[in-house]
Amino acid sequence: MPITEAMASGAPVAASAHASMDEAAGEAAVRFDPERPESIVAAIREALERRDELRALGFAHARRFSWQQTGSLFLEGYRRFA
């Protein structure tokens, strides 16, 4: 959970626009096309410019996640499919 860990520590986040990152990033990250280096650069610049806004959004978003909840979900999956 590197994206939400970064948010929880107050870092502004730029994250890949790949669908697998949607839940982790939510609306609290600037998204970029990982196939386009100029998109990555632009997202990092934007994240730095919006750092105060993204920091607040990130703290709120990260509170939705916990390691306890993650562990419980994995355990449930193991029990269900084992």
C-alpha atoms as a PDB file:
ATOM      1  CA  MET A   1       0.000   0.000   0.000  1.00  0.00           C
ATOM      2  CA  PRO A   2       2.759   2.484  -0.854  1.00  0.00           C
ATOM      3  CA  ILE A   3       0.327   5.073  -2.231  1.00  0.00           C
ATOM      4  CA  THR A   4      -1.811   5.239   0.898  1.00  0.00           C
ATOM      5  CA  GLU A   5       1.268   5.032   3.131  1.00  0.00           C
ATOM      6  CA  ALA A   6       2.687   8.075   1.349  1.00  0.00           C
ATOM      7  CA  MET A   7      -0.616   9.895   1.824  1.00  0.00           C
ATOM      8  CA  ALA A   8      -0.744   8.933   5.499  1.00  0.00           C
ATOM      9  CA  SER A   9       2.717  10.437   5.968  1.00  0.00           C
ATOM     10  CA  GLY A  10       1.642  13.722   4.367  1.00  0.00           C
ATOM     11  CA  ALA A  11       3.347  13.391   0.999  1.00  0.00           C
ATOM     12  CA  PRO A  12       1.635  14.749  -2.114  1.00  0.00           C
ATOM     13  CA  VAL A  13       1.186  11.772  -4.447  1.00  0.00           C
ATOM     14  CA  ALA A  14       1.545  11.311  -8.200  1.00  0.00           C
ATOM     15  CA  ALA A  15       0.409   7.827  -9.230  1.00  0.00           C
ATOM     16  CA  SER A  16      -0.040   5.794 -12.375  1.00  0.00           C
ATOM     17  CA  ALA A  17      -3.407   6.163 -14.079  1.00  0.00           C
ATOM     18  CA  HIS A  18      -3.579   2.360 -14.365  1.00  0.00           C
ATOM     19  CA  ALA A  19      -6.915   1.032 -13.130  1.00  0.00           C
ATOM     20  CA  SER A  20      -5.180  -1.098 -10.489  1.00  0.00           C
ATOM     21  CA  MET A  21      -4.287   2.123  -8.640  1.00  0.00           C
ATOM     22  CA  ASP A  22      -7.810   3.590  -8.563  1.00  0.00           C
ATOM     23  CA  GLU A  23      -8.786   2.510  -5.062  1.00  0.00           C
ATOM     24  CA  ALA A  24      -5.416   3.329  -3.518  1.00  0.00           C
ATOM     25  CA  ALA A  25      -5.175   6.774  -5.134  1.00  0.00           C
ATOM     26  CA  GLY A  26      -8.807   7.841  -5.100  1.00  0.00           C
ATOM     27  CA  GLU A  27      -9.210  11.555  -5.762  1.00  0.00           C
ATOM     28  CA  ALA A  28      -6.234  12.371  -3.540  1.00  0.00           C
ATOM     29  CA  ALA A  29      -3.468  11.871  -6.117  1.00  0.00           C
ATOM     30  CA  VAL A  30      -2.437  13.366  -9.441  1.00  0.00           C
ATOM     31  CA  ARG A  31      -2.577  10.590 -12.022  1.00  0.00           C
ATOM     32  CA  PHE A  32      -0.228  10.089 -14.967  1.00  0.00           C
ATOM     33  CA  ASP A  33       0.176   7.878 -18.020  1.00  0.00           C
ATOM     34  CA  PRO A  34       3.072   5.543 -17.114  1.00  0.00           C
ATOM     35  CA  GLU A  35       3.921   5.120 -20.802  1.00  0.00           C
ATOM     36  CA  ARG A  36       4.606   8.835 -21.292  1.00  0.00           C
ATOM     37  CA  PRO A  37       7.592  10.317 -19.428  1.00  0.00           C
ATOM     38  CA  GLU A  38       6.313  13.867 -19.997  1.00  0.00           C
ATOM     39  CA  SER A  39       3.065  12.881 -18.263  1.00  0.00           C
ATOM     40  CA  ILE A  40       5.017  11.658 -15.238  1.00  0.00           C
ATOM     41  CA  VAL A  41       6.999  14.898 -15.061  1.00  0.00           C
ATOM     42  CA  ALA A  42       3.840  17.007 -15.381  1.00  0.00           C
ATOM     43  CA  ALA A  43       2.093  15.008 -12.630  1.00  0.00           C
ATOM     44  CA  ILE A  44       5.010  15.412 -10.233  1.00  0.00           C
ATOM     45  CA  ARG A  45       5.102  19.145 -10.886  1.00  0.00           C
ATOM     46  CA  GLU A  46       1.347  19.406 -10.370  1.00  0.00           C
ATOM     47  CA  ALA A  47       1.515  17.379  -7.145  1.00  0.00           C
ATOM     48  CA  LEU A  48       4.194  19.707  -5.804  1.00  0.00           C
ATOM     49  CA  GLU A  49       2.186  22.781  -6.771  1.00  0.00           C
ATOM     50  CA  ARG A  50      -0.937  21.361  -5.105  1.00  0.00           C
ATOM     51  CA  ARG A  51       0.914  19.866  -2.124  1.00  0.00           C
ATOM     52  CA  ASP A  52      -1.244  21.515   0.566  1.00  0.00           C
ATOM     53  CA  GLU A  53      -4.513  20.453  -1.082  1.00  0.00           C
ATOM     54  CA  LEU A  54      -3.236  16.928  -1.821  1.00  0.00           C
ATOM     55  CA  ARG A  55      -1.847  16.552   1.704  1.00  0.00           C
ATOM     56  CA  ALA A  56      -5.302  17.231   3.195  1.00  0.00           C
ATOM     57  CA  LEU A  57      -7.042  14.965   0.671  1.00  0.00           C
ATOM     58  CA  GLY A  58      -4.417  12.277   1.225  1.00  0.00           C
ATOM     59  CA  PHE A  59      -4.794  12.241   5.015  1.00  0.00           C
ATOM     60  CA  ALA A  60      -8.574  11.872   4.639  1.00  0.00           C
ATOM     61  CA  HIS A  61      -8.251   9.166   1.979  1.00  0.00           C
ATOM     62  CA  ALA A  62      -5.624   7.173   3.895  1.00  0.00           C
ATOM     63  CA  ARG A  63      -7.862   7.020   6.986  1.00  0.00           C
ATOM     64  CA  ARG A  64     -10.168   4.742   4.973  1.00  0.00           C
ATOM     65  CA  PHE A  65      -7.500   2.014   5.054  1.00  0.00           C
ATOM     66  CA  SER A  66      -5.811   0.090   7.855  1.00  0.00           C
ATOM     67  CA  TRP A  67      -3.443  -2.842   8.105  1.00  0.00           C
ATOM     68  CA  GLN A  68      -5.982  -4.531  10.411  1.00  0.00           C
ATOM     69  CA  GLN A  69      -8.662  -4.263   7.722  1.00  0.00           C
ATOM     70  CA  THR A  70      -6.236  -5.497   5.038  1.00  0.00           C
ATOM     71  CA  GLY A  71      -5.236  -8.496   7.145  1.00  0.00           C
ATOM     72  CA  SER A  72      -8.871  -9.340   7.839  1.00  0.00           C
ATOM     73  CA  LEU A  73      -9.703  -9.244   4.123  1.00  0.00           C
ATOM     74  CA  PHE A  74      -6.778 -11.538   3.274  1.00  0.00           C
ATOM     75  CA  LEU A  75      -7.699 -13.961   6.054  1.00  0.00           C
ATOM     76  CA  GLU A  76     -11.310 -14.044   4.844  1.00  0.00           C
ATOM     77  CA  GLY A  77     -10.088 -14.839   1.321  1.00  0.00           C
ATOM     78  CA  TYR A  78      -7.797 -17.597   2.552  1.00  0.00           C
ATOM     79  CA  ARG A  79     -10.605 -19.154   4.584  1.00  0.00           C
ATOM     80  CA  ARG A  80     -13.079 -18.935   1.732  1.00  0.00           C
ATOM     81  CA  PHE A  81     -10.858 -20.410  -0.988  1.00  0.00           C
ATOM     82  CA  ALA A  82      -8.619 -22.820   0.938  1.00  0.00           C
END
